[in-house]
PDB file of N, CA and C in Angstrom:
ATOM      1  N   UNK A   1     -73.236-119.496 109.651  1.00  0.00           N
ATOM      2  CA  UNK A   1     -72.891-119.207 111.048  1.00  0.00           C
ATOM      3  C   UNK A   1     -72.518-120.487 111.795  1.00  0.00           C
ATOM      4  N   UNK A   2     -72.650-121.636 111.145  1.00  0.00           N
ATOM      5  CA  UNK A   2     -72.312-122.892 111.813  1.00  0.00           C
ATOM      6  C   UNK A   2     -70.806-123.027 111.995  1.00  0.00           C
ATOM      7  N   UNK A   3     -70.037-122.258 111.207  1.00  0.00           N
ATOM      8  CA  UNK A   3     -68.580-122.326 111.318  1.00  0.00           C
ATOM      9  C   UNK A   3     -68.119-121.851 112.690  1.00  0.00           C
ATOM     10  N   UNK A   4     -68.838-120.887 113.255  1.00  0.00           N
ATOM     11  CA  UNK A   4     -68.446-120.378 114.581  1.00  0.00           C
ATOM     12  C   UNK A   4     -68.655-121.440 115.657  1.00  0.00           C
ATOM     13  N   UNK A   5     -69.554-122.378 115.407  1.00  0.00           N
ATOM     14  CA  UNK A   5     -69.763-123.464 116.374  1.00  0.00           C
ATOM     15  C   UNK A   5     -68.702-124.540 116.200  1.00  0.00           C
ATOM     16  N   UNK A   6     -68.286-124.787 114.957  1.00  0.00           N
ATOM     17  CA  UNK A   6     -67.319-125.850 114.667  1.00  0.00           C
ATOM     18  C   UNK A   6     -65.886-125.391 114.921  1.00  0.00           C
ATOM     19  N   UNK A   7     -65.615-124.109 114.725  1.00  0.00           N
ATOM     20  CA  UNK A   7     -64.248-123.586 114.850  1.00  0.00           C
ATOM     21  C   UNK A   7     -63.590-123.916 116.195  1.00  0.00           C
ATOM     22  N   UNK A   8     -64.247-123.705 117.336  1.00  0.00           N
ATOM     23  CA  UNK A   8     -63.593-124.023 118.622  1.00  0.00           C
ATOM     24  C   UNK A   8     -63.186-125.482 118.727  1.00  0.00           C
ATOM     25  N   UNK A   9     -63.999-126.390 118.190  1.00  0.00           N
ATOM     26  CA  UNK A   9     -63.645-127.813 118.241  1.00  0.00           C
ATOM     27  C   UNK A   9     -62.409-128.079 117.393  1.00  0.00           C
ATOM     28  N   UNK A  10     -62.347-127.457 116.217  1.00  0.00           N
ATOM     29  CA  UNK A  10     -61.189-127.643 115.335  1.00  0.00           C
ATOM     30  C   UNK A  10     -59.943-127.061 115.998  1.00  0.00           C
ATOM     31  N   UNK A  11     -60.063-125.884 116.590  1.00  0.00           N
ATOM     32  CA  UNK A  11     -58.924-125.246 117.260  1.00  0.00           C
ATOM     33  C   UNK A  11     -58.448-126.101 118.422  1.00  0.00           C
ATOM     34  N   UNK A  12     -59.401-126.673 119.190  1.00  0.00           N
ATOM     35  CA  UNK A  12     -59.037-127.515 120.341  1.00  0.00           C
ATOM     36  C   UNK A  12     -58.336-128.774 119.862  1.00  0.00           C
ATOM     37  N   UNK A  13     -58.847-129.381 118.785  1.00  0.00           N
ATOM     38  CA  UNK A  13     -58.240-130.607 118.251  1.00  0.00           C
ATOM     39  C   UNK A  13     -56.843-130.324 117.720  1.00  0.00           C
ATOM     40  N   UNK A  14     -56.688-129.233 116.973  1.00  0.00           N
ATOM     41  CA  UNK A  14     -55.375-128.874 116.421  1.00  0.00           C
ATOM     42  C   UNK A  14     -54.410-128.542 117.553  1.00  0.00           C
ATOM     43  N   UNK A  15     -54.881-127.846 118.571  1.00  0.00           N
ATOM     44  CA  UNK A  15     -54.034-127.500 119.713  1.00  0.00           C
ATOM     45  C   UNK A  15     -53.567-128.740 120.458  1.00  0.00           C
ATOM     46  N   UNK A  16     -54.478-129.694 120.644  1.00  0.00           N
ATOM     47  CA  UNK A  16     -54.130-130.935 121.336  1.00  0.00           C
ATOM     48  C   UNK A  16     -53.116-131.732 120.519  1.00  0.00           C
ATOM     49  N   UNK A  17     -53.337-131.806 119.197  1.00  0.00           N
ATOM     50  CA  UNK A  17     -52.411-132.545 118.320  1.00  0.00           C
ATOM     51  C   UNK A  17     -51.042-131.878 118.319  1.00  0.00           C
ATOM     52  N   UNK A  18     -51.029-130.539 118.222  1.00  0.00           N
ATOM     53  CA  UNK A  18     -49.760-129.811 118.205  1.00  0.00           C
ATOM     54  C   UNK A  18     -49.014-129.983 119.525  1.00  0.00           C
ATOM     55  N   UNK A  19     -49.753-129.965 120.631  1.00  0.00           N
ATOM     56  CA  UNK A  19     -49.121-130.132 121.945  1.00  0.00           C
ATOM     57  C   UNK A  19     -48.523-131.532 122.086  1.00  0.00           C
ATOM     58  N   UNK A  20     -49.231-132.543 121.589  1.00  0.00           N
ATOM     59  CA  UNK A  20     -48.719-133.916 121.689  1.00  0.00           C
ATOM     60  C   UNK A  20     -47.480-134.099 120.825  1.00  0.00           C
ATOM     61  N   UNK A  21     -47.490-133.522 119.623  1.00  0.00           N
ATOM     62  CA  UNK A  21     -46.328-133.623 118.732  1.00  0.00           C
ATOM     63  C   UNK A  21     -45.141-132.887 119.345  1.00  0.00           C
ATOM     64  N   UNK A  22     -45.405-131.711 119.929  1.00  0.00           N
ATOM     65  CA  UNK A  22     -44.334-130.928 120.551  1.00  0.00           C
ATOM     66  C   UNK A  22     -43.753-131.687 121.741  1.00  0.00           C
ATOM     67  N   UNK A  23     -44.615-132.320 122.535  1.00  0.00           N
ATOM     68  CA  UNK A  23     -44.144-133.089 123.691  1.00  0.00           C
ATOM     69  C   UNK A  23     -43.293-134.276 123.240  1.00  0.00           C
ATOM     70  N   UNK A  24     -43.726-134.972 122.187  1.00  0.00           N
ATOM     71  CA  UNK A  24     -42.950-136.110 121.675  1.00  0.00           C
ATOM     72  C   UNK A  24     -41.588-135.646 121.175  1.00  0.00           C
ATOM     73  N   UNK A  25     -41.567-134.516 120.470  1.00  0.00           N
ATOM     74  CA  UNK A  25     -40.300-133.989 119.956  1.00  0.00           C
ATOM     75  C   UNK A  25     -39.378-133.599 121.108  1.00  0.00           C
ATOM     76  N   UNK A  26     -39.960-132.973 122.142  1.00  0.00           N
ATOM     77  CA  UNK A  26     -39.166-132.540 123.292  1.00  0.00           C
ATOM     78  C   UNK A  26     -38.582-133.749 124.023  1.00  0.00           C
ATOM     79  N   UNK A  27     -39.400-134.767 124.253  1.00  0.00           N
ATOM     80  CA  UNK A  27     -38.930-135.971 124.955  1.00  0.00           C
ATOM     81  C   UNK A  27     -37.847-136.677 124.146  1.00  0.00           C
ATOM     82  N   UNK A  28     -38.035-136.773 122.831  1.00  0.00           N
ATOM     83  CA  UNK A  28     -37.039-137.462 121.999  1.00  0.00           C
ATOM     84  C   UNK A  28     -35.725-136.696 121.987  1.00  0.00           C
ATOM     85  N   UNK A  29     -35.802-135.357 121.933  1.00  0.00           N
ATOM     86  CA  UNK A  29     -34.569-134.561 121.921  1.00  0.00           C
ATOM     87  C   UNK A  29     -33.851-134.663 123.264  1.00  0.00           C
ATOM     88  N   UNK A  30     -34.598-134.666 124.365  1.00  0.00           N
ATOM     89  CA  UNK A  30     -33.988-134.787 125.692  1.00  0.00           C
ATOM     90  C   UNK A  30     -33.343-136.162 125.849  1.00  0.00           C
ATOM     91  N   UNK A  31     -34.030-137.207 125.387  1.00  0.00           N
ATOM     92  CA  UNK A  31     -33.462-138.558 125.466  1.00  0.00           C
ATOM     93  C   UNK A  31     -32.194-138.654 124.627  1.00  0.00           C
ATOM     94  N   UNK A  32     -32.215-138.025 123.451  1.00  0.00           N
ATOM     95  CA  UNK A  32     -31.036-138.055 122.587  1.00  0.00           C
ATOM     96  C   UNK A  32     -29.873-137.326 123.260  1.00  0.00           C
ATOM     97  N   UNK A  33     -30.173-136.203 123.913  1.00  0.00           N
ATOM     98  CA  UNK A  33     -29.134-135.435 124.609  1.00  0.00           C
ATOM     99  C   UNK A  33     -28.558-136.249 125.766  1.00  0.00           C
ATOM    100  N   UNK A  34     -29.431-136.905 126.536  1.00  0.00           N
ATOM    101  CA  UNK A  34     -28.961-137.724 127.659  1.00  0.00           C
ATOM    102  C   UNK A  34     -28.112-138.885 127.162  1.00  0.00           C
ATOM    103  N   UNK A  35     -28.522-139.506 126.066  1.00  0.00           N
ATOM    104  CA  UNK A  35     -27.757-140.631 125.523  1.00  0.00           C
ATOM    105  C   UNK A  35     -26.396-140.158 125.019  1.00  0.00           C
ATOM    106  N   UNK A  36     -26.346-138.983 124.406  1.00  0.00           N
ATOM    107  CA  UNK A  36     -25.067-138.469 123.909  1.00  0.00           C
ATOM    108  C   UNK A  36     -24.149-138.118 125.080  1.00  0.00           C
ATOM    109  N   UNK A  37     -24.718-137.557 126.148  1.00  0.00           N
ATOM    110  CA  UNK A  37     -23.918-137.224 127.327  1.00  0.00           C
ATOM    111  C   UNK A  37     -23.388-138.494 127.982  1.00  0.00           C
ATOM    112  N   UNK A  38     -24.228-139.520 128.074  1.00  0.00           N
ATOM    113  CA  UNK A  38     -23.807-140.791 128.664  1.00  0.00           C
ATOM    114  C   UNK A  38     -22.717-141.421 127.799  1.00  0.00           C
ATOM    115  N   UNK A  39     -22.837-141.286 126.484  1.00  0.00           N
ATOM    116  CA  UNK A  39     -21.833-141.835 125.585  1.00  0.00           C
ATOM    117  C   UNK A  39     -20.505-141.109 125.735  1.00  0.00           C
ATOM    118  N   UNK A  40     -20.565-139.789 125.952  1.00  0.00           N
ATOM    119  CA  UNK A  40     -19.332-139.020 126.119  1.00  0.00           C
ATOM    120  C   UNK A  40     -18.668-139.369 127.445  1.00  0.00           C
ATOM    121  N   UNK A  41     -19.477-139.555 128.493  1.00  0.00           N
ATOM    122  CA  UNK A  41     -18.908-139.867 129.807  1.00  0.00           C
ATOM    123  C   UNK A  41     -18.331-141.275 129.837  1.00  0.00           C
ATOM    124  N   UNK A  42     -18.973-142.214 129.118  1.00  0.00           N
ATOM    125  CA  UNK A  42     -18.533-143.613 129.156  1.00  0.00           C
ATOM    126  C   UNK A  42     -17.266-143.833 128.333  1.00  0.00           C
TER     127      UNK A  42
END
């Protein structure tokens, strides 16, 4: 029954890691899009 105590911590850690990775991917893709747009305009 100790798994039920540990599971929320694992879920929270995985959720936090997934959110940080998703945010990094989103920021990098947006920066890449802005750089490509600036390159097209220039």
